[in-house]
N, C-alpha and C. Protein backbone atom coordinates (compact mmCIF):
# COMPACT_ATOMS: atom_id res chain seq x y z
N LEU A 1 92.77 119.65 31.74
CA LEU A 1 93.04 118.24 31.96
C LEU A 1 93.48 118.01 33.40
N GLY A 2 94.22 118.91 33.95
CA GLY A 2 94.69 118.77 35.32
C GLY A 2 93.55 118.78 36.33
N ILE A 3 92.52 119.57 36.05
CA ILE A 3 91.36 119.62 36.95
C ILE A 3 90.67 118.26 36.99
N TRP A 4 90.50 117.65 35.81
CA TRP A 4 89.83 116.35 35.75
C TRP A 4 90.65 115.27 36.46
N MET A 5 91.97 115.33 36.29
CA MET A 5 92.82 114.36 36.99
C MET A 5 92.74 114.56 38.50
N PHE A 6 92.75 115.81 38.93
CA PHE A 6 92.63 116.09 40.36
C PHE A 6 91.31 115.56 40.91
N LEU A 7 90.22 115.83 40.19
CA LEU A 7 88.92 115.36 40.65
C LEU A 7 88.86 113.84 40.72
N GLY A 8 89.45 113.18 39.74
CA GLY A 8 89.47 111.72 39.75
C GLY A 8 90.21 111.17 40.95
N TYR A 9 91.38 111.71 41.21
CA TYR A 9 92.17 111.26 42.37
C TYR A 9 91.47 111.62 43.68
N ALA A 10 90.88 112.81 43.74
CA ALA A 10 90.20 113.23 44.97
C ALA A 10 89.00 112.34 45.26
N PHE A 11 88.19 112.05 44.24
CA PHE A 11 87.03 111.19 44.46
C PHE A 11 87.46 109.77 44.82
N GLN A 12 88.55 109.30 44.25
CA GLN A 12 89.04 107.98 44.61
C GLN A 12 89.51 107.97 46.07
N ALA A 13 90.19 108.99 46.49
CA ALA A 13 90.66 109.06 47.88
C ALA A 13 89.49 109.11 48.84
N VAL A 14 88.47 109.87 48.52
CA VAL A 14 87.28 109.92 49.37
C VAL A 14 86.57 108.57 49.36
N GLY A 15 86.51 107.93 48.19
CA GLY A 15 85.87 106.63 48.09
C GLY A 15 86.57 105.55 48.86
N LEU A 16 87.87 105.68 49.06
CA LEU A 16 88.61 104.68 49.83
C LEU A 16 88.19 104.63 51.29
N GLU A 17 87.47 105.65 51.73
CA GLU A 17 86.95 105.62 53.09
C GLU A 17 85.79 104.63 53.22
N THR A 18 85.13 104.29 52.12
CA THR A 18 83.95 103.44 52.18
C THR A 18 84.09 102.12 51.44
N THR A 19 85.21 101.87 50.78
CA THR A 19 85.39 100.61 50.07
C THR A 19 86.84 100.15 50.18
N THR A 20 87.11 98.95 49.73
CA THR A 20 88.47 98.42 49.80
C THR A 20 89.30 98.97 48.65
N ALA A 21 90.61 98.89 48.79
CA ALA A 21 91.50 99.41 47.75
C ALA A 21 91.38 98.60 46.46
N SER A 22 91.18 97.29 46.56
CA SER A 22 91.07 96.47 45.35
C SER A 22 89.81 96.82 44.57
N ARG A 23 88.71 97.03 45.28
CA ARG A 23 87.47 97.42 44.59
C ARG A 23 87.60 98.81 43.99
N SER A 24 88.28 99.68 44.68
CA SER A 24 88.49 101.02 44.16
C SER A 24 89.28 100.98 42.86
N GLY A 25 90.30 100.13 42.81
CA GLY A 25 91.09 99.99 41.58
C GLY A 25 90.28 99.47 40.43
N PHE A 26 89.42 98.47 40.68
CA PHE A 26 88.57 97.96 39.61
C PHE A 26 87.58 99.02 39.13
N LEU A 27 87.02 99.78 40.05
CA LEU A 27 86.09 100.82 39.65
C LEU A 27 86.79 101.95 38.90
N LEU A 28 88.03 102.23 39.29
CA LEU A 28 88.79 103.29 38.63
C LEU A 28 88.99 102.96 37.15
N TYR A 29 89.31 101.71 36.87
CA TYR A 29 89.56 101.32 35.48
C TYR A 29 88.32 100.84 34.75
N LEU A 30 87.16 101.09 35.34
CA LEU A 30 85.90 100.79 34.65
C LEU A 30 85.75 101.67 33.41
N ASN A 31 86.36 102.85 33.41
CA ASN A 31 86.25 103.74 32.26
C ASN A 31 86.82 103.11 30.99
N VAL A 32 87.80 102.22 31.11
CA VAL A 32 88.36 101.55 29.94
C VAL A 32 87.31 100.67 29.29
N LYS A 33 86.45 100.09 30.08
CA LYS A 33 85.41 99.21 29.55
C LYS A 33 84.31 99.98 28.83
N PHE A 34 84.19 101.27 29.11
CA PHE A 34 83.15 102.07 28.46
C PHE A 34 83.56 102.62 27.10
N VAL A 35 84.80 102.53 26.73
CA VAL A 35 85.27 103.11 25.47
C VAL A 35 84.50 102.60 24.25
N PRO A 36 84.28 101.29 24.09
CA PRO A 36 83.51 100.84 22.92
C PRO A 36 82.09 101.40 22.90
N PHE A 37 81.48 101.48 24.08
CA PHE A 37 80.12 102.01 24.14
C PHE A 37 80.08 103.48 23.75
N PHE A 38 81.03 104.26 24.24
CA PHE A 38 81.10 105.67 23.87
C PHE A 38 81.39 105.85 22.38
N SER A 39 82.27 105.03 21.84
CA SER A 39 82.59 105.13 20.42
C SER A 39 81.35 104.87 19.56
N TYR A 40 80.55 103.93 20.00
CA TYR A 40 79.35 103.59 19.23
C TYR A 40 78.28 104.66 19.36
N PHE A 41 77.96 105.05 20.58
CA PHE A 41 76.85 105.97 20.81
C PHE A 41 77.17 107.43 20.52
N ILE A 42 78.38 107.86 20.77
CA ILE A 42 78.73 109.27 20.55
C ILE A 42 79.25 109.53 19.15
N PHE A 43 80.15 108.65 18.68
CA PHE A 43 80.80 108.89 17.39
C PHE A 43 80.23 108.04 16.26
N ALA A 44 79.25 107.20 16.55
CA ALA A 44 78.59 106.33 15.57
C ALA A 44 79.58 105.45 14.80
N LYS A 45 80.60 105.00 15.49
CA LYS A 45 81.57 104.09 14.87
C LYS A 45 81.06 102.67 14.96
N THR A 46 81.31 101.89 13.93
CA THR A 46 80.91 100.49 13.97
C THR A 46 81.92 99.71 14.81
N ILE A 47 81.39 98.90 15.68
CA ILE A 47 82.21 98.14 16.60
C ILE A 47 82.04 96.66 16.26
N GLN A 48 83.15 95.93 16.19
CA GLN A 48 83.09 94.51 15.87
C GLN A 48 82.43 93.73 17.01
N ARG A 49 81.83 92.61 16.64
CA ARG A 49 81.12 91.80 17.63
C ARG A 49 82.05 91.32 18.74
N ASN A 50 83.27 90.95 18.39
CA ASN A 50 84.23 90.49 19.42
C ASN A 50 84.52 91.58 20.44
N THR A 51 84.55 92.83 20.00
CA THR A 51 84.78 93.94 20.91
C THR A 51 83.60 94.11 21.86
N TRP A 52 82.39 93.99 21.32
CA TRP A 52 81.19 94.08 22.15
C TRP A 52 81.19 92.98 23.21
N ILE A 53 81.50 91.77 22.79
CA ILE A 53 81.49 90.64 23.72
C ILE A 53 82.54 90.82 24.81
N SER A 54 83.74 91.19 24.42
CA SER A 54 84.80 91.36 25.43
C SER A 54 84.50 92.53 26.36
N ALA A 55 83.94 93.62 25.86
CA ALA A 55 83.59 94.75 26.71
C ALA A 55 82.49 94.37 27.69
N PHE A 56 81.50 93.61 27.21
CA PHE A 56 80.42 93.18 28.09
C PHE A 56 80.94 92.22 29.17
N LEU A 57 81.80 91.28 28.79
CA LEU A 57 82.36 90.35 29.76
C LEU A 57 83.22 91.07 30.79
N ALA A 58 84.01 92.05 30.36
CA ALA A 58 84.83 92.82 31.29
C ALA A 58 83.94 93.62 32.24
N PHE A 59 82.88 94.19 31.72
CA PHE A 59 81.94 94.95 32.55
C PHE A 59 81.27 94.03 33.56
N ALA A 60 80.82 92.85 33.10
CA ALA A 60 80.17 91.89 33.99
C ALA A 60 81.14 91.38 35.06
N GLY A 61 82.38 91.12 34.67
CA GLY A 61 83.38 90.69 35.64
C GLY A 61 83.65 91.73 36.70
N THR A 62 83.70 92.97 36.29
CA THR A 62 83.90 94.05 37.26
C THR A 62 82.71 94.14 38.20
N ALA A 63 81.51 93.98 37.66
CA ALA A 63 80.31 94.02 38.50
C ALA A 63 80.33 92.89 39.52
N PHE A 64 80.73 91.68 39.10
CA PHE A 64 80.81 90.57 40.05
C PHE A 64 81.84 90.84 41.14
N LEU A 65 82.95 91.43 40.79
CA LEU A 65 83.98 91.72 41.79
C LEU A 65 83.53 92.79 42.78
N VAL A 66 82.80 93.76 42.29
CA VAL A 66 82.40 94.87 43.14
C VAL A 66 81.22 94.49 44.03
N PHE A 67 80.28 93.75 43.50
CA PHE A 67 79.05 93.48 44.23
C PHE A 67 79.01 92.10 44.86
N ASP A 68 80.16 91.47 45.10
CA ASP A 68 80.14 90.19 45.81
C ASP A 68 79.87 90.47 47.28
N ASN A 69 79.44 89.46 47.99
CA ASN A 69 79.14 89.62 49.41
C ASN A 69 80.09 88.80 50.27
N SER A 70 81.33 88.71 49.85
CA SER A 70 82.29 87.88 50.59
C SER A 70 82.60 88.43 51.96
N ASN A 71 82.45 89.71 52.18
CA ASN A 71 82.75 90.27 53.49
C ASN A 71 81.53 90.98 54.07
N ALA A 72 80.33 90.54 53.71
CA ALA A 72 79.12 91.21 54.17
C ALA A 72 78.93 91.07 55.68
N ASP A 73 79.43 89.98 56.29
CA ASP A 73 79.25 89.78 57.71
C ASP A 73 80.39 90.36 58.55
N ASP A 74 81.43 90.84 57.91
CA ASP A 74 82.58 91.38 58.62
C ASP A 74 82.38 92.88 58.82
N ASP A 75 82.11 93.30 60.06
CA ASP A 75 81.85 94.72 60.32
C ASP A 75 83.07 95.59 60.11
N SER A 76 84.27 95.01 60.19
CA SER A 76 85.48 95.82 60.02
C SER A 76 85.76 96.12 58.56
N ALA A 77 85.08 95.45 57.65
CA ALA A 77 85.34 95.65 56.22
C ALA A 77 84.13 96.25 55.53
N GLU A 78 83.43 97.14 56.19
CA GLU A 78 82.27 97.78 55.59
C GLU A 78 82.73 98.58 54.38
N ASP A 79 82.02 98.43 53.27
CA ASP A 79 82.40 99.22 52.10
C ASP A 79 81.23 99.94 51.47
N GLY A 80 80.05 99.84 52.02
CA GLY A 80 78.93 100.61 51.53
C GLY A 80 78.30 100.10 50.27
N LEU A 81 78.79 99.01 49.71
CA LEU A 81 78.24 98.51 48.46
C LEU A 81 77.29 97.34 48.67
N GLU A 82 77.23 96.78 49.86
CA GLU A 82 76.35 95.66 50.11
C GLU A 82 74.93 96.16 50.36
N SER A 83 74.00 95.27 50.12
CA SER A 83 72.60 95.56 50.40
C SER A 83 72.40 95.67 51.92
N PRO A 84 71.58 96.58 52.36
CA PRO A 84 71.36 96.72 53.81
C PRO A 84 70.49 95.61 54.37
N PHE A 85 69.96 94.74 53.53
CA PHE A 85 69.03 93.69 54.00
C PHE A 85 69.72 92.38 54.18
């Protein structure tokens, strides 16, 4: 378990070189949004419709926060997630 925690922190620290801290935090907790999907596909557990809807909305909200182009023209805030075009 310690190895996985170390790898998670290490990859987050390396990722902070190319993205903002707020986006890094949202991406870090993206794993919480995957729990219903893993429960369904790996363990074949039935998931209520409200859980599916809330997990999808949380996933979509995270995607909007990560892939916005609010700082695409600011060279000092390069984060590597914007389209090169």
